[in-house]
Amino acid sequence: MVASSRQELNVRKSTVQDNTAGSQGGGIWSGGTTRIDGSKLKGNRKTAVGSLGGGLFAGSGTATLNRSEVSRNRADGTGSNGGGIYEQPDSTATIDGRRSRTTIPTTARPRAPSPAA
């Protein structure tokens, strides 16, 4: 799924699972306004060298996750970052009550996992 600049993407009570892409955003690529509510980003992956954001790539704009699960996502390849979520410096990601499990690797600016509420 893609939300380009100035576009809006709303994902509610859905599962984005087992997707593969080359360099950014295996599950969702967000460049606009993305709202994810009561959903799951599971088992998505990036395969290219230097890939970013296996589950969610927040390139610009805003990405908000509420009551959602981010698990088993991967950013594979040398120099890859943000298995679950990768947030670019010019984006804003807000995460509320989410679970994150087995999201690898977790370097650069991905959010640290928090316990389930």
PDB file of N, CA and C in Angstrom:
ATOM      1  N   MET A   1       0.836  -1.172   0.000  1.00  0.00           N
ATOM      2  CA  MET A   1       0.000   0.000   0.000  1.00  0.00           C
ATOM      3  C   MET A   1       0.879   1.232   0.000  1.00  0.00           C
ATOM      4  N   VAL A   2       0.438   2.252  -0.706  1.00  0.00           N
ATOM      5  CA  VAL A   2       1.221   3.476  -0.813  1.00  0.00           C
ATOM      6  C   VAL A   2       0.344   4.685  -0.533  1.00  0.00           C
ATOM      7  N   ALA A   3       0.838   5.598   0.304  1.00  0.00           N
ATOM      8  CA  ALA A   3       0.209   6.898   0.509  1.00  0.00           C
ATOM      9  C   ALA A   3       1.247   7.936   0.106  1.00  0.00           C
ATOM     10  N   SER A   4       1.141   8.461  -1.102  1.00  0.00           N
ATOM     11  CA  SER A   4       2.097   9.447  -1.601  1.00  0.00           C
ATOM     12  C   SER A   4       1.862  10.799  -0.944  1.00  0.00           C
ATOM     13  N   SER A   5       2.740  11.738  -1.219  1.00  0.00           N
ATOM     14  CA  SER A   5       2.637  13.079  -0.675  1.00  0.00           C
ATOM     15  C   SER A   5       1.243  13.647  -0.927  1.00  0.00           C
ATOM     16  N   ARG A   6       0.655  14.238   0.079  1.00  0.00           N
ATOM     17  CA  ARG A   6      -0.673  14.857   0.061  1.00  0.00           C
ATOM     18  C   ARG A   6      -1.812  13.857  -0.125  1.00  0.00           C
ATOM     19  N   GLN A   7      -1.536  12.570  -0.018  1.00  0.00           N
ATOM     20  CA  GLN A   7      -2.593  11.562  -0.079  1.00  0.00           C
ATOM     21  C   GLN A   7      -2.860  11.039   1.320  1.00  0.00           C
ATOM     22  N   GLU A   8      -4.044  10.479   1.512  1.00  0.00           N
ATOM     23  CA  GLU A   8      -4.436   9.933   2.800  1.00  0.00           C
ATOM     24  C   GLU A   8      -4.737   8.442   2.654  1.00  0.00           C
ATOM     25  N   LEU A   9      -4.223   7.657   3.595  1.00  0.00           N
ATOM     26  CA  LEU A   9      -4.472   6.217   3.613  1.00  0.00           C
ATOM     27  C   LEU A   9      -4.975   5.849   5.002  1.00  0.00           C
ATOM     28  N   ASN A  10      -6.152   5.222   5.070  1.00  0.00           N
ATOM     29  CA  ASN A  10      -6.718   4.750   6.330  1.00  0.00           C
ATOM     30  C   ASN A  10      -6.838   3.237   6.266  1.00  0.00           C
ATOM     31  N   VAL A  11      -6.211   2.558   7.237  1.00  0.00           N
ATOM     32  CA  VAL A  11      -6.264   1.104   7.317  1.00  0.00           C
ATOM     33  C   VAL A  11      -6.936   0.772   8.643  1.00  0.00           C
ATOM     34  N   ARG A  12      -8.110   0.129   8.580  1.00  0.00           N
ATOM     35  CA  ARG A  12      -8.852  -0.202   9.800  1.00  0.00           C
ATOM     36  C   ARG A  12      -9.190  -1.682   9.826  1.00  0.00           C
ATOM     37  N   LYS A  13      -8.930  -2.292  10.990  1.00  0.00           N
ATOM     38  CA  LYS A  13      -9.274  -3.699  11.205  1.00  0.00           C
ATOM     39  C   LYS A  13      -8.859  -4.573  10.021  1.00  0.00           C
ATOM     40  N   SER A  14      -7.615  -4.419   9.632  1.00  0.00           N
ATOM     41  CA  SER A  14      -7.079  -5.142   8.473  1.00  0.00           C
ATOM     42  C   SER A  14      -5.756  -5.797   8.816  1.00  0.00           C
ATOM     43  N   THR A  15      -5.335  -6.714   7.959  1.00  0.00           N
ATOM     44  CA  THR A  15      -4.023  -7.340   8.089  1.00  0.00           C
ATOM     45  C   THR A  15      -3.254  -7.114   6.803  1.00  0.00           C
ATOM     46  N   VAL A  16      -2.063  -6.528   6.924  1.00  0.00           N
ATOM     47  CA  VAL A  16      -1.143  -6.355   5.801  1.00  0.00           C
ATOM     48  C   VAL A  16      -0.025  -7.359   6.076  1.00  0.00           C
ATOM     49  N   GLN A  17      -0.007  -8.453   5.311  1.00  0.00           N
ATOM     50  CA  GLN A  17       0.841  -9.582   5.678  1.00  0.00           C
ATOM     51  C   GLN A  17       1.530 -10.207   4.475  1.00  0.00           C
ATOM     52  N   ASP A  18       2.788 -10.642   4.729  1.00  0.00           N
ATOM     53  CA  ASP A  18       3.580 -11.442   3.793  1.00  0.00           C
ATOM     54  C   ASP A  18       3.811 -10.762   2.444  1.00  0.00           C
ATOM     55  N   ASN A  19       4.063  -9.470   2.462  1.00  0.00           N
ATOM     56  CA  ASN A  19       4.396  -8.741   1.239  1.00  0.00           C
ATOM     57  C   ASN A  19       5.906  -8.576   1.140  1.00  0.00           C
ATOM     58  N   THR A  20       6.418  -8.471  -0.073  1.00  0.00           N
ATOM     59  CA  THR A  20       7.846  -8.281  -0.310  1.00  0.00           C
ATOM     60  C   THR A  20       8.034  -7.155  -1.313  1.00  0.00           C
ATOM     61  N   ALA A  21       8.979  -6.270  -1.026  1.00  0.00           N
ATOM     62  CA  ALA A  21       9.302  -5.179  -1.946  1.00  0.00           C
ATOM     63  C   ALA A  21      10.812  -4.997  -1.958  1.00  0.00           C
ATOM     64  N   GLY A  22      11.306  -4.212  -2.923  1.00  0.00           N
ATOM     65  CA  GLY A  22      12.742  -4.056  -3.102  1.00  0.00           C
ATOM     66  C   GLY A  22      13.450  -3.183  -2.088  1.00  0.00           C
ATOM     67  N   SER A  23      13.051  -1.910  -1.925  1.00  0.00           N
ATOM     68  CA  SER A  23      13.888  -1.041  -1.105  1.00  0.00           C
ATOM     69  C   SER A  23      13.207  -0.334   0.051  1.00  0.00           C
ATOM     70  N   GLN A  24      11.929   0.033  -0.031  1.00  0.00           N
ATOM     71  CA  GLN A  24      11.282   0.764   1.058  1.00  0.00           C
ATOM     72  C   GLN A  24       9.842   0.306   1.238  1.00  0.00           C
ATOM     73  N   GLY A  25       9.431   0.119   2.504  1.00  0.00           N
ATOM     74  CA  GLY A  25       8.043  -0.157   2.821  1.00  0.00           C
ATOM     75  C   GLY A  25       7.488  -1.451   2.283  1.00  0.00           C
ATOM     76  N   GLY A  26       7.915  -2.574   2.849  1.00  0.00           N
ATOM     77  CA  GLY A  26       7.411  -3.868   2.399  1.00  0.00           C
ATOM     78  C   GLY A  26       5.906  -4.002   2.532  1.00  0.00           C
ATOM     79  N   GLY A  27       5.338  -3.511   3.636  1.00  0.00           N
ATOM     80  CA  GLY A  27       3.898  -3.560   3.832  1.00  0.00           C
ATOM     81  C   GLY A  27       3.218  -2.277   3.387  1.00  0.00           C
ATOM     82  N   ILE A  28       3.692  -1.137   3.931  1.00  0.00           N
ATOM     83  CA  ILE A  28       3.107   0.172   3.622  1.00  0.00           C
ATOM     84  C   ILE A  28       4.225   1.188   3.438  1.00  0.00           C
ATOM     85  N   TRP A  29       4.125   1.982   2.381  1.00  0.00           N
ATOM     86  CA  TRP A  29       5.015   3.115   2.140  1.00  0.00           C
ATOM     87  C   TRP A  29       4.180   4.363   2.353  1.00  0.00           C
ATOM     88  N   SER A  30       4.569   5.172   3.347  1.00  0.00           N
ATOM     89  CA  SER A  30       3.788   6.352   3.707  1.00  0.00           C
ATOM     90  C   SER A  30       4.566   7.624   3.412  1.00  0.00           C
ATOM     91  N   GLY A  31       3.981   8.465   2.568  1.00  0.00           N
ATOM     92  CA  GLY A  31       4.569   9.769   2.289  1.00  0.00           C
ATOM     93  C   GLY A  31       3.559  10.879   2.539  1.00  0.00           C
ATOM     94  N   GLY A  32       2.336  10.500   2.862  1.00  0.00           N
ATOM     95  CA  GLY A  32       1.272  11.462   3.125  1.00  0.00           C
ATOM     96  C   GLY A  32       0.775  11.289   4.546  1.00  0.00           C
ATOM     97  N   THR A  33      -0.523  11.175   4.714  1.00  0.00           N
ATOM     98  CA  THR A  33      -1.133  10.953   6.020  1.00  0.00           C
ATOM     99  C   THR A  33      -1.636   9.518   6.061  1.00  0.00           C
ATOM    100  N   THR A  34      -1.082   8.717   6.966  1.00  0.00           N
ATOM    101  CA  THR A  34      -1.470   7.320   7.091  1.00  0.00           C
ATOM    102  C   THR A  34      -1.958   7.062   8.508  1.00  0.00           C
ATOM    103  N   ARG A  35      -3.148   6.466   8.608  1.00  0.00           N
ATOM    104  CA  ARG A  35      -3.711   6.088   9.898  1.00  0.00           C
ATOM    105  C   ARG A  35      -3.966   4.582   9.878  1.00  0.00           C
ATOM    106  N   ILE A  36      -3.384   3.890  10.864  1.00  0.00           N
ATOM    107  CA  ILE A  36      -3.552   2.442  10.969  1.00  0.00           C
ATOM    108  C   ILE A  36      -4.201   2.179  12.324  1.00  0.00           C
ATOM    109  N   ASP A  37      -5.400   1.593  12.327  1.00  0.00           N
ATOM    110  CA  ASP A  37      -6.157   1.411  13.556  1.00  0.00           C
ATOM    111  C   ASP A  37      -6.664  -0.030  13.661  1.00  0.00           C
ATOM    112  N   GLY A  38      -6.336  -0.683  14.775  1.00  0.00           N
ATOM    113  CA  GLY A  38      -6.807  -2.039  15.016  1.00  0.00           C
ATOM    114  C   GLY A  38      -6.372  -3.025  13.952  1.00  0.00           C
ATOM    115  N   SER A  39      -5.174  -2.859  13.432  1.00  0.00           N
ATOM    116  CA  SER A  39      -4.697  -3.668  12.312  1.00  0.00           C
ATOM    117  C   SER A  39      -3.384  -4.367  12.643  1.00  0.00           C
ATOM    118  N   LYS A  40      -2.946  -5.226  11.720  1.00  0.00           N
ATOM    119  CA  LYS A  40      -1.698  -5.970  11.890  1.00  0.00           C
ATOM    120  C   LYS A  40      -0.818  -5.784  10.672  1.00  0.00           C
ATOM    121  N   LEU A  41       0.463  -5.496  10.924  1.00  0.00           N
ATOM    122  CA  LEU A  41       1.502  -5.495   9.893  1.00  0.00           C
ATOM    123  C   LEU A  41       2.404  -6.677  10.251  1.00  0.00           C
ATOM    124  N   LYS A  42       2.277  -7.783   9.528  1.00  0.00           N
ATOM    125  CA  LYS A  42       2.965  -9.019   9.898  1.00  0.00           C
ATOM    126  C   LYS A  42       3.693  -9.638   8.715  1.00  0.00           C
ATOM    127  N   GLY A  43       4.917 -10.087   8.972  1.00  0.00           N
ATOM    128  CA  GLY A  43       5.648 -10.892   8.005  1.00  0.00           C
ATOM    129  C   GLY A  43       5.990 -10.202   6.695  1.00  0.00           C
ATOM    130  N   ASN A  44       6.027  -8.878   6.680  1.00  0.00           N
ATOM    131  CA  ASN A  44       6.412  -8.141   5.473  1.00  0.00           C
ATOM    132  C   ASN A  44       7.927  -7.988   5.457  1.00  0.00           C
ATOM    133  N   ARG A  45       8.501  -7.831   4.249  1.00  0.00           N
ATOM    134  CA  ARG A  45       9.962  -7.697   4.209  1.00  0.00           C
ATOM    135  C   ARG A  45      10.443  -6.897   3.013  1.00  0.00           C
ATOM    136  N   LYS A  46      11.618  -6.343   3.200  1.00  0.00           N
ATOM    137  CA  LYS A  46      12.362  -5.619   2.172  1.00  0.00           C
ATOM    138  C   LYS A  46      13.565  -6.474   1.853  1.00  0.00           C
ATOM    139  N   THR A  47      13.942  -6.539   0.591  1.00  0.00           N
ATOM    140  CA  THR A  47      15.003  -7.467   0.211  1.00  0.00           C
ATOM    141  C   THR A  47      16.266  -6.821  -0.327  1.00  0.00           C
ATOM    142  N   ALA A  48      16.241  -5.561  -0.706  1.00  0.00           N
ATOM    143  CA  ALA A  48      17.391  -4.922  -1.340  1.00  0.00           C
ATOM    144  C   ALA A  48      18.449  -4.494  -0.321  1.00  0.00           C
ATOM    145  N   VAL A  49      19.679  -4.359  -0.778  1.00  0.00           N
ATOM    146  CA  VAL A  49      20.744  -3.792   0.043  1.00  0.00           C
ATOM    147  C   VAL A  49      20.325  -2.373   0.418  1.00  0.00           C
ATOM    148  N   GLY A  50      20.450  -2.047   1.701  1.00  0.00           N
ATOM    149  CA  GLY A  50      20.079  -0.710   2.168  1.00  0.00           C
ATOM    150  C   GLY A  50      18.578  -0.488   2.251  1.00  0.00           C
ATOM    151  N   SER A  51      17.795  -1.548   2.364  1.00  0.00           N
ATOM    152  CA  SER A  51      16.342  -1.392   2.421  1.00  0.00           C
ATOM    153  C   SER A  51      15.902  -0.808   3.757  1.00  0.00           C
ATOM    154  N   LEU A  52      14.736  -0.153   3.740  1.00  0.00           N
ATOM    155  CA  LEU A  52      14.236   0.560   4.913  1.00  0.00           C
ATOM    156  C   LEU A  52      12.769   0.216   5.159  1.00  0.00           C
ATOM    157  N   GLY A  53      12.433  -0.143   6.397  1.00  0.00           N
ATOM    158  CA  GLY A  53      11.045  -0.323   6.787  1.00  0.00           C
ATOM    159  C   GLY A  53      10.352  -1.532   6.215  1.00  0.00           C
ATOM    160  N   GLY A  54      10.597  -2.700   6.793  1.00  0.00           N
ATOM    161  CA  GLY A  54       9.946  -3.912   6.318  1.00  0.00           C
ATOM    162  C   GLY A  54       8.430  -3.869   6.442  1.00  0.00           C
ATOM    163  N   GLY A  55       7.926  -3.394   7.583  1.00  0.00           N
ATOM    164  CA  GLY A  55       6.487  -3.294   7.786  1.00  0.00           C
ATOM    165  C   GLY A  55       5.925  -1.970   7.313  1.00  0.00           C
ATOM    166  N   LEU A  56       6.545  -0.870   7.775  1.00  0.00           N
ATOM    167  CA  LEU A  56       6.088   0.487   7.450  1.00  0.00           C
ATOM    168  C   LEU A  56       7.291   1.385   7.211  1.00  0.00           C
ATOM    169  N   PHE A  57       7.291   2.074   6.079  1.00  0.00           N
ATOM    170  CA  PHE A  57       8.289   3.107   5.796  1.00  0.00           C
ATOM    171  C   PHE A  57       7.564   4.437   5.856  1.00  0.00           C
ATOM    172  N   ALA A  58       7.946   5.298   6.811  1.00  0.00           N
ATOM    173  CA  ALA A  58       7.372   6.638   6.938  1.00  0.00           C
ATOM    174  C   ALA A  58       8.369   7.625   6.352  1.00  0.00           C
ATOM    175  N   GLY A  59       8.167   7.978   5.079  1.00  0.00           N
ATOM    176  CA  GLY A  59       9.118   8.811   4.356  1.00  0.00           C
ATOM    177  C   GLY A  59       8.929  10.295   4.573  1.00  0.00           C
ATOM    178  N   SER A  60       7.714  10.735   4.727  1.00  0.00           N
ATOM    179  CA  SER A  60       7.382  12.128   5.032  1.00  0.00           C
ATOM    180  C   SER A  60       5.926  12.128   5.482  1.00  0.00           C
ATOM    181  N   GLY A  61       5.422  13.242   5.899  1.00  0.00           N
ATOM    182  CA  GLY A  61       4.046  13.287   6.367  1.00  0.00           C
ATOM    183  C   GLY A  61       3.902  12.662   7.736  1.00  0.00           C
ATOM    184  N   THR A  62       2.736  12.072   8.006  1.00  0.00           N
ATOM    185  CA  THR A  62       2.477  11.487   9.313  1.00  0.00           C
ATOM    186  C   THR A  62       1.972  10.057   9.185  1.00  0.00           C
ATOM    187  N   ALA A  63       2.373   9.235  10.128  1.00  0.00           N
ATOM    188  CA  ALA A  63       1.884   7.862  10.230  1.00  0.00           C
ATOM    189  C   ALA A  63       1.463   7.648  11.678  1.00  0.00           C
ATOM    190  N   THR A  64       0.217   7.244  11.891  1.00  0.00           N
ATOM    191  CA  THR A  64      -0.316   7.024  13.224  1.00  0.00           C
ATOM    192  C   THR A  64      -0.806   5.589  13.341  1.00  0.00           C
ATOM    193  N   LEU A  65      -0.305   4.877  14.348  1.00  0.00           N
ATOM    194  CA  LEU A  65      -0.735   3.507  14.612  1.00  0.00           C
ATOM    195  C   LEU A  65      -1.423   3.468  15.967  1.00  0.00           C
ATOM    196  N   ASN A  66      -2.656   2.986  16.006  1.00  0.00           N
ATOM    197  CA  ASN A  66      -3.401   2.835  17.247  1.00  0.00           C
ATOM    198  C   ASN A  66      -3.886   1.401  17.366  1.00  0.00           C
ATOM    199  N   ARG A  67      -3.691   0.815  18.547  1.00  0.00           N
ATOM    200  CA  ARG A  67      -4.157  -0.550  18.817  1.00  0.00           C
ATOM    201  C   ARG A  67      -3.793  -1.520  17.697  1.00  0.00           C
ATOM    202  N   SER A  68      -2.581  -1.399  17.202  1.00  0.00           N
ATOM    203  CA  SER A  68      -2.130  -2.222  16.078  1.00  0.00           C
ATOM    204  C   SER A  68      -0.892  -3.021  16.449  1.00  0.00           C
ATOM    205  N   GLU A  69      -0.688  -4.112  15.746  1.00  0.00           N
ATOM    206  CA  GLU A  69       0.447  -4.998  15.984  1.00  0.00           C
ATOM    207  C   GLU A  69       1.419  -4.919  14.813  1.00  0.00           C
ATOM    208  N   VAL A  70       2.707  -4.795  15.151  1.00  0.00           N
ATOM    209  CA  VAL A  70       3.774  -4.806  14.148  1.00  0.00           C
ATOM    210  C   VAL A  70       4.688  -5.964  14.531  1.00  0.00           C
ATOM    211  N   SER A  71       4.664  -7.055  13.747  1.00  0.00           N
ATOM    212  CA  SER A  71       5.438  -8.238  14.147  1.00  0.00           C
ATOM    213  C   SER A  71       5.976  -8.994  12.930  1.00  0.00           C
ATOM    214  N   ARG A  72       7.097  -9.687  13.148  1.00  0.00           N
ATOM    215  CA  ARG A  72       7.750 -10.553  12.158  1.00  0.00           C
ATOM    216  C   ARG A  72       8.064  -9.865  10.837  1.00  0.00           C
ATOM    217  N   ASN A  73       8.317  -8.568  10.845  1.00  0.00           N
ATOM    218  CA  ASN A  73       8.720  -7.849   9.632  1.00  0.00           C
ATOM    219  C   ASN A  73      10.234  -7.798   9.575  1.00  0.00           C
ATOM    220  N   ARG A  74      10.779  -7.708   8.363  1.00  0.00           N
ATOM    221  CA  ARG A  74      12.234  -7.721   8.205  1.00  0.00           C
ATOM    222  C   ARG A  74      12.677  -6.718   7.147  1.00  0.00           C
ATOM    223  N   ALA A  75      13.849  -6.149   7.373  1.00  0.00           N
ATOM    224  CA  ALA A  75      14.545  -5.356   6.363  1.00  0.00           C
ATOM    225  C   ALA A  75      15.854  -6.091   6.115  1.00  0.00           C
ATOM    226  N   ASP A  76      15.895  -6.926   5.094  1.00  0.00           N
ATOM    227  CA  ASP A  76      17.056  -7.763   4.802  1.00  0.00           C
ATOM    228  C   ASP A  76      18.047  -7.023   3.900  1.00  0.00           C
ATOM    229  N   GLY A  77      19.263  -7.463   3.912  1.00  0.00           N
ATOM    230  CA  GLY A  77      20.288  -6.889   3.040  1.00  0.00           C
ATOM    231  C   GLY A  77      21.261  -6.032   3.822  1.00  0.00           C
ATOM    232  N   THR A  78      22.488  -5.964   3.333  1.00  0.00           N
ATOM    233  CA  THR A  78      23.531  -5.173   3.963  1.00  0.00           C
ATOM    234  C   THR A  78      23.094  -3.717   4.073  1.00  0.00           C
ATOM    235  N   GLY A  79      23.254  -3.132   5.256  1.00  0.00           N
ATOM    236  CA  GLY A  79      22.922  -1.728   5.468  1.00  0.00           C
ATOM    237  C   GLY A  79      21.434  -1.446   5.592  1.00  0.00           C
ATOM    238  N   SER A  80      20.633  -2.474   5.794  1.00  0.00           N
ATOM    239  CA  SER A  80      19.183  -2.292   5.921  1.00  0.00           C
ATOM    240  C   SER A  80      18.815  -1.886   7.339  1.00  0.00           C
ATOM    241  N   ASN A  81      17.708  -1.151   7.483  1.00  0.00           N
ATOM    242  CA  ASN A  81      17.282  -0.638   8.779  1.00  0.00           C
ATOM    243  C   ASN A  81      15.771  -0.674   8.927  1.00  0.00           C
ATOM    244  N   GLY A  82      15.316  -0.798  10.169  1.00  0.00           N
ATOM    245  CA  GLY A  82      13.897  -0.690  10.469  1.00  0.00           C
ATOM    246  C   GLY A  82      13.080  -1.861  10.003  1.00  0.00           C
ATOM    247  N   GLY A  83      13.294  -3.013  10.591  1.00  0.00           N
ATOM    248  CA  GLY A  83      12.520  -4.185  10.210  1.00  0.00           C
ATOM    249  C   GLY A  83      11.029  -3.968  10.340  1.00  0.00           C
ATOM    250  N   GLY A  84      10.588  -3.403  11.450  1.00  0.00           N
ATOM    251  CA  GLY A  84       9.167  -3.144  11.661  1.00  0.00           C
ATOM    252  C   GLY A  84       8.746  -1.801  11.104  1.00  0.00           C
ATOM    253  N   ILE A  85       9.386  -0.741  11.597  1.00  0.00           N
ATOM    254  CA  ILE A  85       9.046   0.628  11.195  1.00  0.00           C
ATOM    255  C   ILE A  85      10.331   1.412  10.994  1.00  0.00           C
ATOM    256  N   TYR A  86      10.403   2.152   9.911  1.00  0.00           N
ATOM    257  CA  TYR A  86      11.513   3.077   9.688  1.00  0.00           C
ATOM    258  C   TYR A  86      10.910   4.451   9.472  1.00  0.00           C
ATOM    259  N   GLU A  87      11.375   5.425  10.269  1.00  0.00           N
ATOM    260  CA  GLU A  87      10.876   6.793  10.203  1.00  0.00           C
ATOM    261  C   GLU A  87      11.977   7.720   9.702  1.00  0.00           C
ATOM    262  N   GLN A  88      11.724   8.387   8.576  1.00  0.00           N
ATOM    263  CA  GLN A  88      12.664   9.378   8.057  1.00  0.00           C
ATOM    264  C   GLN A  88      12.625  10.621   8.949  1.00  0.00           C
ATOM    265  N   PRO A  89      13.702  11.418   8.977  1.00  0.00           N
ATOM    266  CA  PRO A  89      13.729  12.617   9.814  1.00  0.00           C
ATOM    267  C   PRO A  89      12.620  13.624   9.505  1.00  0.00           C
ATOM    268  N   ASP A  90      12.110  13.670   8.272  1.00  0.00           N
ATOM    269  CA  ASP A  90      11.073  14.651   7.942  1.00  0.00           C
ATOM    270  C   ASP A  90       9.666  14.087   8.070  1.00  0.00           C
ATOM    271  N   SER A  91       9.511  12.958   8.768  1.00  0.00           N
ATOM    272  CA  SER A  91       8.193  12.378   8.987  1.00  0.00           C
ATOM    273  C   SER A  91       7.884  12.341  10.482  1.00  0.00           C
ATOM    274  N   THR A  92       6.626  12.097  10.799  1.00  0.00           N
ATOM    275  CA  THR A  92       6.204  11.954  12.186  1.00  0.00           C
ATOM    276  C   THR A  92       5.443  10.651  12.323  1.00  0.00           C
ATOM    277  N   ALA A  93       5.916   9.766  13.179  1.00  0.00           N
ATOM    278  CA  ALA A  93       5.219   8.503  13.441  1.00  0.00           C
ATOM    279  C   ALA A  93       4.767   8.502  14.901  1.00  0.00           C
ATOM    280  N   THR A  94       3.490   8.236  15.120  1.00  0.00           N
ATOM    281  CA  THR A  94       2.928   8.155  16.458  1.00  0.00           C
ATOM    282  C   THR A  94       2.412   6.744  16.666  1.00  0.00           C
ATOM    283  N   ILE A  95       2.862   6.112  17.750  1.00  0.00           N
ATOM    284  CA  ILE A  95       2.498   4.726  18.004  1.00  0.00           C
ATOM    285  C   ILE A  95       1.870   4.640  19.394  1.00  0.00           C
ATOM    286  N   ASP A  96       0.645   4.119  19.452  1.00  0.00           N
ATOM    287  CA  ASP A  96      -0.095   4.055  20.705  1.00  0.00           C
ATOM    288  C   ASP A  96      -0.577   2.634  20.955  1.00  0.00           C
ATOM    289  N   GLY A  97      -0.098   2.004  22.004  1.00  0.00           N
ATOM    290  CA  GLY A  97      -0.579   0.689  22.386  1.00  0.00           C
ATOM    291  C   GLY A  97      -0.279  -0.413  21.390  1.00  0.00           C
ATOM    292  N   ARG A  98       0.863  -0.383  20.754  1.00  0.00           N
ATOM    293  CA  ARG A  98       1.180  -1.406  19.776  1.00  0.00           C
ATOM    294  C   ARG A  98       2.134  -2.436  20.358  1.00  0.00           C
ATOM    295  N   ARG A  99       2.086  -3.629  19.778  1.00  0.00           N
ATOM    296  CA  ARG A  99       3.012  -4.692  20.143  1.00  0.00           C
ATOM    297  C   ARG A  99       4.007  -4.854  19.013  1.00  0.00           C
ATOM    298  N   SER A 100       5.260  -5.060  19.349  1.00  0.00           N
ATOM    299  CA  SER A 100       6.284  -5.278  18.334  1.00  0.00           C
ATOM    300  C   SER A 100       7.093  -6.507  18.730  1.00  0.00           C
ATOM    301  N   ARG A 101       7.104  -7.519  17.859  1.00  0.00           N
ATOM    302  CA  ARG A 101       7.840  -8.752  18.148  1.00  0.00           C
ATOM    303  C   ARG A 101       8.621  -9.181  16.915  1.00  0.00           C
ATOM    304  N   THR A 102       9.839  -9.622  17.138  1.00  0.00           N
ATOM    305  CA  THR A 102      10.676 -10.182  16.084  1.00  0.00           C
ATOM    306  C   THR A 102      10.786  -9.254  14.881  1.00  0.00           C
ATOM    307  N   THR A 103      11.060  -8.006  15.133  1.00  0.00           N
ATOM    308  CA  THR A 103      11.255  -7.046  14.060  1.00  0.00           C
ATOM    309  C   THR A 103      12.750  -6.790  13.945  1.00  0.00           C
ATOM    310  N   ILE A 104      13.385  -7.268  12.877  1.00  0.00           N
ATOM    311  CA  ILE A 104      14.831  -7.194  12.753  1.00  0.00           C
ATOM    312  C   ILE A 104      15.233  -6.636  11.392  1.00  0.00           C
ATOM    313  N   PRO A 105      16.390  -5.991  11.237  1.00  0.00           N
ATOM    314  CA  PRO A 105      17.192  -5.421  12.297  1.00  0.00           C
ATOM    315  C   PRO A 105      16.535  -4.175  12.876  1.00  0.00           C
ATOM    316  N   THR A 106      17.028  -3.718  14.007  1.00  0.00           N
ATOM    317  CA  THR A 106      16.441  -2.546  14.643  1.00  0.00           C
ATOM    318  C   THR A 106      17.520  -1.495  14.888  1.00  0.00           C
ATOM    319  N   THR A 107      18.057  -0.947  13.822  1.00  0.00           N
ATOM    320  CA  THR A 107      19.058   0.109  13.925  1.00  0.00           C
ATOM    321  C   THR A 107      18.485   1.376  13.303  1.00  0.00           C
ATOM    322  N   ALA A 108      19.254   2.429  13.272  1.00  0.00           N
ATOM    323  CA  ALA A 108      18.843   3.738  12.734  1.00  0.00           C
ATOM    324  C   ALA A 108      17.742   4.337  13.597  1.00  0.00           C
ATOM    325  N   ARG A 109      16.589   4.714  13.009  1.00  0.00           N
ATOM    326  CA  ARG A 109      15.556   5.418  13.757  1.00  0.00           C
ATOM    327  C   ARG A 109      14.273   4.631  13.997  1.00  0.00           C
ATOM    328  N   PRO A 110      14.257   3.309  13.915  1.00  0.00           N
ATOM    329  CA  PRO A 110      13.000   2.615  14.222  1.00  0.00           C
ATOM    330  C   PRO A 110      12.655   2.791  15.701  1.00  0.00           C
ATOM    331  N   ARG A 111      11.394   2.690  16.017  1.00  0.00           N
ATOM    332  CA  ARG A 111      10.940   2.811  17.406  1.00  0.00           C
ATOM    333  C   ARG A 111      11.239   1.531  18.159  1.00  0.00           C
ATOM    334  N   ALA A 112      11.618   1.694  19.428  1.00  0.00           N
ATOM    335  CA  ALA A 112      11.877   0.543  20.281  1.00  0.00           C
ATOM    336  C   ALA A 112      10.568  -0.128  20.647  1.00  0.00           C
ATOM    337  N   PRO A 113      10.567  -1.462  20.772  1.00  0.00           N
ATOM    338  CA  PRO A 113       9.340  -2.162  21.140  1.00  0.00           C
ATOM    339  C   PRO A 113       8.885  -1.751  22.528  1.00  0.00           C
ATOM    340  N   SER A 114       7.577  -1.724  22.741  1.00  0.00           N
ATOM    341  CA  SER A 114       7.038  -1.465  24.061  1.00  0.00           C
ATOM    342  C   SER A 114       6.125  -2.629  24.434  1.00  0.00           C
ATOM    343  N   PRO A 115       5.967  -2.868  25.728  1.00  0.00           N
ATOM    344  CA  PRO A 115       5.099  -3.977  26.127  1.00  0.00           C
ATOM    345  C   PRO A 115       3.653  -3.725  25.693  1.00  0.00           C
ATOM    346  N   ALA A 116       2.935  -4.796  25.453  1.00  0.00           N
ATOM    347  CA  ALA A 116       1.521  -4.681  25.056  1.00  0.00           C
ATOM    348  C   ALA A 116       0.730  -4.067  26.208  1.00  0.00           C
ATOM    349  N   ALA A 117      -0.231  -3.246  25.847  1.00  0.00           N
ATOM    350  CA  ALA A 117      -1.039  -2.583  26.882  1.00  0.00           C
ATOM    351  C   ALA A 117      -2.056  -3.543  27.450  1.00  0.00           C
TER     352      ALA A 117
END
